Amino acid sequence: MIITEDNFVLQLRKRNEKALEFVIDNYGWIIKSIVKKHLYNLESHQDECINDILLGLWNNINSFDDNKSTFKNWLAGIAKYKTIDYRRKYLKDLKNENIEYLNIASENDVCEEVTIKTINQDLTELLNCLKNEDKELFLKLYVEEQDMCRVSEATGLKRDVIYNRISRGRKKLRKMFNLMEGRG
C-alpha cells in the first residue's frame, strides 16, 4: 500500500511502519527543529529525544483528533513537551551525580544555568495565561512535585478546589497552546 498525506494517520493507527517512515520523511524537520531549538546545549541527548518523540507519536496516535488540530501542530506539541522532559531529566541527573566520579568542568555550571533559565522562560511563557493563584498551584504540583495534601495544607484550599482549578488551567493551557501552534 502506498502511504500518502491522505492516509498516513489511518495507517499509523493500523500500526503500519511505512506510515511512520512517511512521517519521518515528511514531518521529521519539525521534530528536529524543535529538538535542536530546545536541546541545543545537550547534543548527546538529541537523538534519544527524537526517538522518544517518535515512540510517543506511535503510542498515542489514537489521541490525535484532526478536528481539534492539524497533525503538524499535534506533533509539534509532543516534541516540545518531550524536550522539556529531557531538560528536566538532565537537571535531575546533574543533581544526582556522585561528585567522586565526575571530572568537574565549569562548562556544566554554565550549561545547567542556561538550561534552568530556558526552562523558566518556557514555563513563564506557558503559564502567563493563568491567574497568579493557579500559576502557583501548577508550579507547586508539577515543578516542585509537591503532593496534593501538602499543597492543600499550604494554600488552605480543599483538594476538590485544587483539582478543579488545575483542570480548568489545563484546558486553558491546551487552548492557548493550540492557538500558538496555529500561528507557527
Protein backbone atom coordinates (compact mmCIF):
# COMPACT_ATOMS: atom_id res chain seq x y z
CA MET A 1 0.00 0.00 0.00
CA ILE A 2 1.22 3.48 -0.85
CA ILE A 3 1.28 5.87 2.09
CA THR A 4 0.08 9.38 1.29
CA GLU A 5 -0.84 12.59 3.08
CA ASP A 6 -4.47 11.41 3.00
CA ASN A 7 -3.98 8.01 4.62
CA PHE A 8 -0.86 8.09 6.81
CA VAL A 9 -2.75 8.79 10.07
CA LEU A 10 -5.10 5.86 9.43
CA GLN A 11 -2.12 3.67 8.60
CA LEU A 12 -0.33 4.76 11.78
CA ARG A 13 -3.40 3.72 13.74
CA LYS A 14 -3.24 0.34 11.98
CA ARG A 15 0.42 0.09 13.09
CA ASN A 16 1.84 0.28 9.58
CA GLU A 17 5.54 1.05 9.98
CA LYS A 18 5.67 2.54 6.48
CA ALA A 19 3.36 5.30 7.76
CA LEU A 20 5.93 6.09 10.45
CA GLU A 21 8.59 6.29 7.74
CA PHE A 22 6.28 8.70 5.88
CA VAL A 23 6.07 10.88 9.00
CA ILE A 24 9.84 10.86 9.39
CA ASP A 25 10.35 11.79 5.74
CA ASN A 26 7.67 14.50 5.63
CA TYR A 27 7.47 15.82 9.19
CA GLY A 28 10.90 14.93 10.59
CA TRP A 29 12.07 18.50 10.06
CA ILE A 30 9.53 19.68 12.65
CA ILE A 31 10.82 17.25 15.23
CA LYS A 32 14.47 18.05 14.51
CA SER A 33 13.99 21.80 14.59
CA ILE A 34 12.13 21.70 17.93
CA VAL A 35 14.69 19.35 19.47
CA LYS A 36 17.61 21.44 18.24
CA LYS A 37 15.94 24.63 19.50
CA HIS A 38 15.25 23.29 22.99
CA LEU A 39 18.17 20.88 23.44
CA TYR A 40 20.85 22.88 21.61
CA ASN A 41 23.23 22.55 24.54
CA LEU A 42 22.50 18.84 25.10
CA GLU A 43 23.60 17.38 21.78
CA SER A 44 24.23 13.95 23.29
CA HIS A 45 20.53 13.70 24.24
CA GLN A 46 19.03 14.90 20.95
CA ASP A 47 18.87 11.53 19.14
CA GLU A 48 17.37 9.79 22.15
CA CYS A 49 14.78 12.56 22.47
CA ILE A 50 13.86 12.28 18.77
CA ASN A 51 13.38 8.53 19.24
CA ASP A 52 11.16 9.15 22.28
CA ILE A 53 9.09 11.65 20.30
CA LEU A 54 8.56 9.09 17.54
CA LEU A 55 7.68 6.46 20.15
CA GLY A 56 5.23 8.89 21.75
CA LEU A 57 3.69 9.52 18.34
CA TRP A 58 3.41 5.78 17.69
CA ASN A 59 1.89 5.01 21.10
CA ASN A 60 -0.50 7.98 21.18
CA ILE A 61 -1.69 8.30 17.57
CA ASN A 62 -5.20 7.32 18.66
CA SER A 63 -5.44 10.51 20.70
CA PHE A 64 -4.86 12.67 17.62
CA ASP A 65 -8.08 14.39 16.53
CA ASP A 66 -7.89 16.24 13.22
CA ASN A 67 -10.98 18.24 14.21
CA LYS A 68 -9.05 19.87 17.05
CA SER A 69 -5.65 20.44 15.48
CA THR A 70 -3.51 19.71 12.46
CA PHE A 71 -1.13 16.77 12.60
CA LYS A 72 1.78 19.16 12.29
CA ASN A 73 0.69 21.12 15.40
CA TRP A 74 -0.09 17.94 17.35
CA LEU A 75 3.35 16.53 16.54
CA ALA A 76 5.00 19.84 17.47
CA GLY A 77 3.23 19.70 20.84
CA ILE A 78 4.53 16.20 21.53
CA ALA A 79 8.03 17.30 20.52
CA LYS A 80 8.00 20.41 22.71
CA TYR A 81 6.82 18.57 25.81
CA LYS A 82 9.33 15.74 25.29
CA THR A 83 12.19 18.26 25.02
CA ILE A 84 11.05 19.93 28.24
CA ASP A 85 11.02 16.48 29.89
CA TYR A 86 14.57 15.88 28.67
CA ARG A 87 15.80 19.16 30.07
CA ARG A 88 14.21 18.36 33.42
CA LYS A 89 15.72 14.87 33.36
CA TYR A 90 19.12 16.35 32.57
CA LEU A 91 18.88 18.75 35.51
CA LYS A 92 17.75 15.96 37.83
CA ASP A 93 20.66 13.78 36.65
CA LEU A 94 23.10 16.63 37.27
CA LYS A 95 21.88 16.96 40.84
CA ASN A 96 22.05 13.20 41.46
CA GLU A 97 25.51 12.50 40.03
CA ASN A 98 28.10 11.35 42.52
CA ILE A 99 30.78 14.02 42.71
CA GLU A 100 33.53 11.41 43.22
CA TYR A 101 33.02 10.10 39.67
CA LEU A 102 32.90 13.45 37.96
CA ASN A 103 35.54 15.40 36.18
CA ILE A 104 34.21 18.77 37.18
CA ALA A 105 34.25 21.40 34.50
CA SER A 106 32.87 24.88 34.70
CA GLU A 107 31.02 24.14 31.46
CA ASN A 108 28.46 22.06 33.44
CA ASP A 109 27.60 25.02 35.63
CA VAL A 110 27.02 27.24 32.62
CA CYS A 111 25.03 24.52 30.85
CA GLU A 112 22.89 23.94 33.95
CA GLU A 113 22.31 27.67 34.38
CA VAL A 114 21.30 28.11 30.74
CA THR A 115 19.02 25.07 30.90
CA ILE A 116 17.33 26.30 34.09
CA LYS A 117 16.89 29.77 32.60
CA THR A 118 15.39 28.33 29.40
CA ILE A 119 13.00 26.07 31.31
CA ASN A 120 11.93 29.00 33.49
CA GLN A 121 11.32 31.17 30.41
CA ASP A 122 9.29 28.41 28.75
CA LEU A 123 7.26 27.85 31.93
CA THR A 124 6.65 31.57 32.37
CA GLU A 125 5.54 31.88 28.76
CA LEU A 126 3.33 28.81 29.05
CA LEU A 127 1.72 29.79 32.38
CA ASN A 128 1.22 33.51 31.62
CA CYS A 129 -2.38 32.92 30.62
CA LEU A 130 -3.28 31.69 34.13
CA LYS A 131 -4.22 33.67 37.21
CA ASN A 132 -1.39 34.02 39.74
CA GLU A 133 -3.07 31.65 42.22
CA ASP A 134 -3.48 28.97 39.55
CA LYS A 135 0.08 29.53 38.33
CA GLU A 136 1.31 28.87 41.89
CA LEU A 137 -0.70 25.63 42.05
CA PHE A 138 0.84 24.41 38.78
CA LEU A 139 4.33 25.27 39.98
CA LYS A 140 3.88 23.53 43.33
CA LEU A 141 2.30 20.40 41.86
CA TYR A 142 4.23 19.96 38.62
CA VAL A 143 7.56 21.75 39.01
CA GLU A 144 8.25 21.36 42.72
CA GLU A 145 6.41 17.99 42.60
CA GLN A 146 4.71 18.53 45.96
CA ASP A 147 1.90 16.13 46.75
CA MET A 148 -1.73 17.24 46.79
CA CYS A 149 -2.13 17.06 50.59
CA ARG A 150 0.87 19.31 51.15
CA VAL A 151 -0.37 21.85 48.59
CA SER A 152 -3.82 21.76 50.15
CA GLU A 153 -2.38 22.46 53.60
CA ALA A 154 -0.08 25.21 52.33
CA THR A 155 -2.78 27.04 50.37
CA GLY A 156 -5.73 26.36 52.65
CA LEU A 157 -7.69 25.10 49.63
CA LYS A 158 -9.62 21.85 49.63
CA ARG A 159 -8.34 19.12 47.31
CA ASP A 160 -11.51 19.31 45.17
CA VAL A 161 -10.97 23.03 44.64
CA ILE A 162 -7.36 22.43 43.64
CA TYR A 163 -8.38 19.66 41.22
CA ASN A 164 -10.98 21.94 39.65
CA ARG A 165 -8.52 24.83 39.26
CA ILE A 166 -5.88 22.54 37.77
CA SER A 167 -8.43 21.05 35.37
CA ARG A 168 -9.57 24.49 34.22
CA GLY A 169 -5.95 25.60 33.93
CA ARG A 170 -5.06 22.59 31.78
CA LYS A 171 -7.97 23.34 29.44
CA LYS A 172 -6.86 26.96 29.17
CA LEU A 173 -3.27 25.90 28.50
CA ARG A 174 -4.36 23.43 25.82
CA LYS A 175 -6.43 26.12 24.16
CA MET A 176 -3.58 28.64 24.29
CA PHE A 177 -1.08 26.07 23.04
CA ASN A 178 -3.31 25.22 20.07
CA LEU A 179 -3.66 28.93 19.25
CA MET A 180 0.11 29.47 19.49
CA GLU A 181 0.85 26.44 17.33
CA GLY A 182 -1.69 27.64 14.76
CA ARG A 183 0.35 30.81 14.29
CA GLY A 184 3.66 28.98 13.92
